[in-house]
Amino acid sequence: MFVNQALNMEEQITNRIYEAIYRTMFHAYCRISDNTNAITYGKKLLTIYRECDDRVQEGNLSMLLVRIYYSQSMYSEAKELCERAIIVKREVGDRAGVADCYNNLGAVLKSLGQCVNAKMYLEN
């Protein structure tokens, strides 16, 4: 029993250390507009948030990544991540975040040529 608790605590500490490293690297690469590396570290950080069930941070980071994907014309990746972010933002009760997700998803869909769907999300 105590061994399991110790291992669980060690795993949590390790996750928090990696979280801090990846968060620092993600924000540093965002600041210097190195989007390729920002995406790399953002995806690693997103995995940690999902494993730790940190839904608020998962939703926030997802939207940051959506904007990076969009700026890189990676529309299908942006669409997929934005759709997931809508679910997360709803679960945590972030109504303003959901509205932001709809706005971003509308822009992504417009870029994909799905104007009817884009209009629907933009109106939401």
Protein backbone atom coordinates (compact mmCIF):
# COMPACT_ATOMS: atom_id res chain seq x y z
CA MET A 1 0.00 0.00 0.00
CA PHE A 2 2.72 2.49 0.98
CA VAL A 3 4.77 1.45 -2.03
CA ASN A 4 1.85 2.23 -4.37
CA GLN A 5 1.36 5.63 -2.74
CA ALA A 6 5.06 6.40 -3.08
CA LEU A 7 5.07 5.39 -6.74
CA ASN A 8 1.95 7.45 -7.40
CA MET A 9 3.50 10.47 -5.70
CA GLU A 10 6.72 10.02 -7.67
CA GLU A 11 4.74 9.86 -10.91
CA GLN A 12 2.86 13.05 -10.03
CA ILE A 13 6.10 14.88 -9.25
CA THR A 14 7.64 13.69 -12.51
CA ASN A 15 4.59 14.85 -14.47
CA ARG A 16 4.73 18.29 -12.84
CA ILE A 17 8.43 18.65 -13.67
CA TYR A 18 7.83 17.72 -17.31
CA GLU A 19 4.81 20.01 -17.37
CA ALA A 20 6.94 22.94 -16.22
CA ILE A 21 9.66 22.17 -18.76
CA TYR A 22 7.27 21.74 -21.70
CA ARG A 23 5.25 24.81 -20.72
CA THR A 24 8.42 26.91 -20.58
CA MET A 25 9.65 25.57 -23.92
CA PHE A 26 6.23 26.05 -25.55
CA HIS A 27 5.95 29.68 -24.46
CA ALA A 28 9.57 30.40 -25.37
CA TYR A 29 9.10 29.07 -28.90
CA CYS A 30 5.83 31.02 -29.21
CA ARG A 31 7.65 34.21 -28.25
CA ILE A 32 10.28 33.77 -30.95
CA SER A 33 7.67 32.62 -33.51
CA ASP A 34 9.24 29.18 -33.94
CA ASN A 35 5.89 27.55 -34.59
CA THR A 36 7.28 24.13 -35.48
CA ASN A 37 8.91 23.70 -32.08
CA ALA A 38 6.00 25.41 -30.31
CA ILE A 39 3.69 22.76 -31.80
CA THR A 40 6.06 19.97 -30.76
CA TYR A 41 6.21 21.09 -27.13
CA GLY A 42 2.55 22.10 -27.09
CA LYS A 43 1.51 18.60 -28.12
CA LYS A 44 3.69 17.07 -25.38
CA LEU A 45 2.23 19.46 -22.83
CA LEU A 46 -1.29 18.69 -24.04
CA THR A 47 -0.63 14.99 -23.46
CA ILE A 48 0.43 15.69 -19.88
CA TYR A 49 -2.69 17.79 -19.23
CA ARG A 50 -4.85 14.96 -20.56
CA GLU A 51 -3.06 12.36 -18.43
CA CYS A 52 -3.41 14.56 -15.32
CA ASP A 53 -7.05 15.29 -16.21
CA ASP A 54 -6.39 19.04 -16.07
CA ARG A 55 -9.32 20.00 -18.31
CA VAL A 56 -9.00 23.76 -17.87
CA GLN A 57 -5.38 23.82 -18.98
CA GLU A 58 -6.13 21.32 -21.76
CA GLY A 59 -8.80 23.62 -23.15
CA ASN A 60 -6.65 26.73 -22.89
CA LEU A 61 -3.62 25.11 -24.51
CA SER A 62 -5.78 23.58 -27.22
CA MET A 63 -6.94 27.03 -28.29
CA LEU A 64 -3.37 28.34 -28.35
CA LEU A 65 -2.40 25.42 -30.57
CA VAL A 66 -5.44 26.01 -32.81
CA ARG A 67 -4.21 29.53 -33.46
CA ILE A 68 -0.71 28.29 -34.29
CA TYR A 69 -2.04 25.58 -36.60
CA TYR A 70 -4.26 28.15 -38.30
CA SER A 71 -1.36 30.55 -38.82
CA GLN A 72 0.60 27.70 -40.42
CA SER A 73 -2.33 26.80 -42.73
CA MET A 74 -2.67 23.45 -40.95
CA TYR A 75 -6.45 23.69 -41.08
CA SER A 76 -7.39 20.05 -40.59
CA GLU A 77 -5.27 19.87 -37.41
CA ALA A 78 -6.78 23.14 -36.21
CA LYS A 79 -10.31 21.88 -36.90
CA GLU A 80 -9.79 18.62 -35.03
CA LEU A 81 -8.25 20.31 -32.01
CA CYS A 82 -10.88 23.06 -31.97
CA GLU A 83 -13.72 20.53 -31.98
CA ARG A 84 -12.14 18.79 -29.00
CA ALA A 85 -11.60 22.12 -27.25
CA ILE A 86 -15.32 22.90 -27.56
CA ILE A 87 -16.11 19.70 -25.67
CA VAL A 88 -13.55 20.47 -22.97
CA LYS A 89 -14.66 24.09 -22.58
CA ARG A 90 -18.28 22.97 -22.23
CA GLU A 91 -17.33 20.39 -19.59
CA VAL A 92 -15.57 22.99 -17.44
CA GLY A 93 -18.37 25.53 -17.91
CA ASP A 94 -16.29 28.13 -19.78
CA ARG A 95 -18.99 29.82 -21.86
CA ALA A 96 -16.67 32.56 -23.14
CA GLY A 97 -14.17 29.86 -24.10
CA VAL A 98 -16.85 27.95 -26.02
CA ALA A 99 -17.74 31.14 -27.90
CA ASP A 100 -14.06 31.66 -28.73
CA CYS A 101 -13.85 28.07 -29.96
CA TYR A 102 -16.87 28.58 -32.21
CA ASN A 103 -15.32 31.72 -33.64
CA ASN A 104 -12.03 29.96 -34.35
CA LEU A 105 -13.74 26.89 -35.76
CA GLY A 106 -15.77 29.11 -38.08
CA ALA A 107 -12.58 30.71 -39.38
CA VAL A 108 -10.94 27.31 -39.87
CA LEU A 109 -13.96 25.92 -41.72
CA LYS A 110 -14.05 28.98 -43.95
CA SER A 111 -10.40 28.35 -44.83
CA LEU A 112 -11.29 24.75 -45.64
CA GLY A 113 -14.00 25.98 -48.01
CA GLN A 114 -16.86 24.80 -45.80
CA CYS A 115 -18.63 28.15 -45.85
CA VAL A 116 -22.08 26.92 -44.80
CA ASN A 117 -20.69 25.23 -41.68
CA ALA A 118 -18.40 28.19 -41.05
CA LYS A 119 -21.34 30.58 -41.05
CA MET A 120 -23.22 28.39 -38.59
CA TYR A 121 -20.32 28.37 -36.10
CA LEU A 122 -19.61 32.05 -36.52
CA GLU A 123 -23.25 32.85 -35.77
CA ASN A 124 -23.13 30.73 -32.60
